[in-house]
Amino acid sequence: MRALGNALDPIVQIGKAGVTESVIFSLNEALTARELVKARVLKNCLEEEKDVAQELIAATGSNLVQIIGRNIILYRSSEDKLIELPK
């Protein structure tokens, strides 16, 4: 998962307002479409990356894959199973 996530571009950005309803909506849509999503915490965000990640996980029902610097990689399985996990 980490290797797949590192190659992604961030598609959700968390700015000064922090985790808002629009951020959660966008992340939910992205997770439904892709299963694996990278989000970026911008420098003007007042919250720590770990706190933002916990809020996003709680709001979307996703799993944390990795936090690298200001990037958060999240995974949520869908019915279509776009990503096959090794057994």
C-alpha atoms as a PDB file:
ATOM      1  CA  MET A   1       0.000   0.000   0.000  1.00  0.00           C
ATOM      2  CA  ARG A   2       2.787   2.406   0.826  1.00  0.00           C
ATOM      3  CA  ALA A   3       4.444   1.920  -2.538  1.00  0.00           C
ATOM      4  CA  LEU A   4       1.163   2.492  -4.361  1.00  0.00           C
ATOM      5  CA  GLY A   5       0.420   5.566  -2.249  1.00  0.00           C
ATOM      6  CA  ASN A   6       3.818   7.170  -2.790  1.00  0.00           C
ATOM      7  CA  ALA A   7       3.227   7.333  -6.532  1.00  0.00           C
ATOM      8  CA  LEU A   8      -0.074   9.220  -6.122  1.00  0.00           C
ATOM      9  CA  ASP A   9      -0.544  12.960  -6.367  1.00  0.00           C
ATOM     10  CA  PRO A  10      -2.465  14.614  -3.511  1.00  0.00           C
ATOM     11  CA  ILE A  11      -6.060  15.195  -4.593  1.00  0.00           C
ATOM     12  CA  VAL A  12      -7.408  16.603  -1.322  1.00  0.00           C
ATOM     13  CA  GLN A  13      -5.835  19.583   0.416  1.00  0.00           C
ATOM     14  CA  ILE A  14      -6.454  20.664   3.991  1.00  0.00           C
ATOM     15  CA  GLY A  15      -5.832  24.360   4.506  1.00  0.00           C
ATOM     16  CA  LYS A  16      -6.306  27.033   7.133  1.00  0.00           C
ATOM     17  CA  ALA A  17      -9.897  26.025   7.914  1.00  0.00           C
ATOM     18  CA  GLY A  18      -8.792  22.493   8.797  1.00  0.00           C
ATOM     19  CA  VAL A  19     -11.060  19.505   8.260  1.00  0.00           C
ATOM     20  CA  THR A  20     -14.313  20.938   6.933  1.00  0.00           C
ATOM     21  CA  GLU A  21     -17.459  19.330   5.558  1.00  0.00           C
ATOM     22  CA  SER A  22     -16.286  20.030   2.003  1.00  0.00           C
ATOM     23  CA  VAL A  23     -12.936  18.327   2.673  1.00  0.00           C
ATOM     24  CA  ILE A  24     -14.737  15.289   4.107  1.00  0.00           C
ATOM     25  CA  PHE A  25     -17.137  15.200   1.145  1.00  0.00           C
ATOM     26  CA  SER A  26     -14.278  15.399  -1.359  1.00  0.00           C
ATOM     27  CA  LEU A  27     -12.306  12.727   0.457  1.00  0.00           C
ATOM     28  CA  ASN A  28     -15.317  10.402   0.638  1.00  0.00           C
ATOM     29  CA  GLU A  29     -15.881  10.801  -3.101  1.00  0.00           C
ATOM     30  CA  ALA A  30     -12.215  10.150  -3.851  1.00  0.00           C
ATOM     31  CA  LEU A  31     -12.067   7.091  -1.589  1.00  0.00           C
ATOM     32  CA  THR A  32     -15.177   5.658  -3.222  1.00  0.00           C
ATOM     33  CA  ALA A  33     -13.703   6.142  -6.684  1.00  0.00           C
ATOM     34  CA  ARG A  34     -10.081   5.143  -5.977  1.00  0.00           C
ATOM     35  CA  GLU A  35      -9.830   3.346  -2.583  1.00  0.00           C
ATOM     36  CA  LEU A  36      -6.320   4.771  -2.044  1.00  0.00           C
ATOM     37  CA  VAL A  37      -6.002   8.545  -1.703  1.00  0.00           C
ATOM     38  CA  LYS A  38      -3.241  10.977  -0.803  1.00  0.00           C
ATOM     39  CA  ALA A  39      -4.181  14.193   1.011  1.00  0.00           C
ATOM     40  CA  ARG A  40      -1.872  17.109   1.748  1.00  0.00           C
ATOM     41  CA  VAL A  41      -1.927  19.304   4.847  1.00  0.00           C
ATOM     42  CA  LEU A  42      -0.955  22.778   3.702  1.00  0.00           C
ATOM     43  CA  LYS A  43       1.510  24.914   5.652  1.00  0.00           C
ATOM     44  CA  ASN A  44      -1.213  27.371   6.667  1.00  0.00           C
ATOM     45  CA  CYS A  45      -3.181  24.638   8.474  1.00  0.00           C
ATOM     46  CA  LEU A  46      -3.051  25.224  12.226  1.00  0.00           C
ATOM     47  CA  GLU A  47      -3.463  21.542  13.139  1.00  0.00           C
ATOM     48  CA  GLU A  48      -0.794  18.838  13.285  1.00  0.00           C
ATOM     49  CA  GLU A  49      -0.760  16.207  10.545  1.00  0.00           C
ATOM     50  CA  LYS A  50      -1.471  13.381  12.999  1.00  0.00           C
ATOM     51  CA  ASP A  51      -4.541  15.196  14.351  1.00  0.00           C
ATOM     52  CA  VAL A  52      -5.813  15.893  10.835  1.00  0.00           C
ATOM     53  CA  ALA A  53      -5.301  12.234   9.908  1.00  0.00           C
ATOM     54  CA  GLN A  54      -7.311  11.066  12.934  1.00  0.00           C
ATOM     55  CA  GLU A  55     -10.161  13.436  12.063  1.00  0.00           C
ATOM     56  CA  LEU A  56     -10.201  12.226   8.452  1.00  0.00           C
ATOM     57  CA  ILE A  57     -10.163   8.572   9.511  1.00  0.00           C
ATOM     58  CA  ALA A  58     -13.056   9.089  11.921  1.00  0.00           C
ATOM     59  CA  ALA A  59     -15.110  11.067   9.392  1.00  0.00           C
ATOM     60  CA  THR A  60     -14.607   8.736   6.409  1.00  0.00           C
ATOM     61  CA  GLY A  61     -14.222   5.285   7.958  1.00  0.00           C
ATOM     62  CA  SER A  62     -10.892   4.857   6.197  1.00  0.00           C
ATOM     63  CA  ASN A  63      -7.606   3.369   7.354  1.00  0.00           C
ATOM     64  CA  LEU A  64      -4.308   5.190   7.691  1.00  0.00           C
ATOM     65  CA  VAL A  65      -1.629   3.822   5.405  1.00  0.00           C
ATOM     66  CA  GLN A  66       1.132   6.333   6.097  1.00  0.00           C
ATOM     67  CA  ILE A  67       1.967   9.909   7.025  1.00  0.00           C
ATOM     68  CA  ILE A  68       4.966  11.288   5.163  1.00  0.00           C
ATOM     69  CA  GLY A  69       5.771  14.873   6.051  1.00  0.00           C
ATOM     70  CA  ARG A  70       2.602  16.812   5.261  1.00  0.00           C
ATOM     71  CA  ASN A  71       1.068  14.035   3.138  1.00  0.00           C
ATOM     72  CA  ILE A  72      -1.487  11.569   4.471  1.00  0.00           C
ATOM     73  CA  ILE A  73      -2.268   8.355   2.602  1.00  0.00           C
ATOM     74  CA  LEU A  74      -5.647   6.765   3.357  1.00  0.00           C
ATOM     75  CA  TYR A  75      -7.274   3.526   2.225  1.00  0.00           C
ATOM     76  CA  ARG A  76     -10.910   2.449   2.285  1.00  0.00           C
ATOM     77  CA  SER A  77     -12.054  -0.781   0.691  1.00  0.00           C
ATOM     78  CA  SER A  78     -14.985  -0.592  -1.708  1.00  0.00           C
ATOM     79  CA  GLU A  79     -17.375  -3.193  -3.063  1.00  0.00           C
ATOM     80  CA  ASP A  80     -15.584  -3.224  -6.429  1.00  0.00           C
ATOM     81  CA  LYS A  81     -12.166  -3.985  -4.871  1.00  0.00           C
ATOM     82  CA  LEU A  82     -10.042  -1.910  -7.225  1.00  0.00           C
ATOM     83  CA  ILE A  83      -6.877  -2.786  -5.309  1.00  0.00           C
ATOM     84  CA  GLU A  84      -6.122  -6.424  -4.564  1.00  0.00           C
ATOM     85  CA  LEU A  85      -4.235  -6.851  -1.317  1.00  0.00           C
ATOM     86  CA  PRO A  86      -1.643  -9.629  -1.066  1.00  0.00           C
ATOM     87  CA  LYS A  87      -2.574 -12.496   1.229  1.00  0.00           C
END
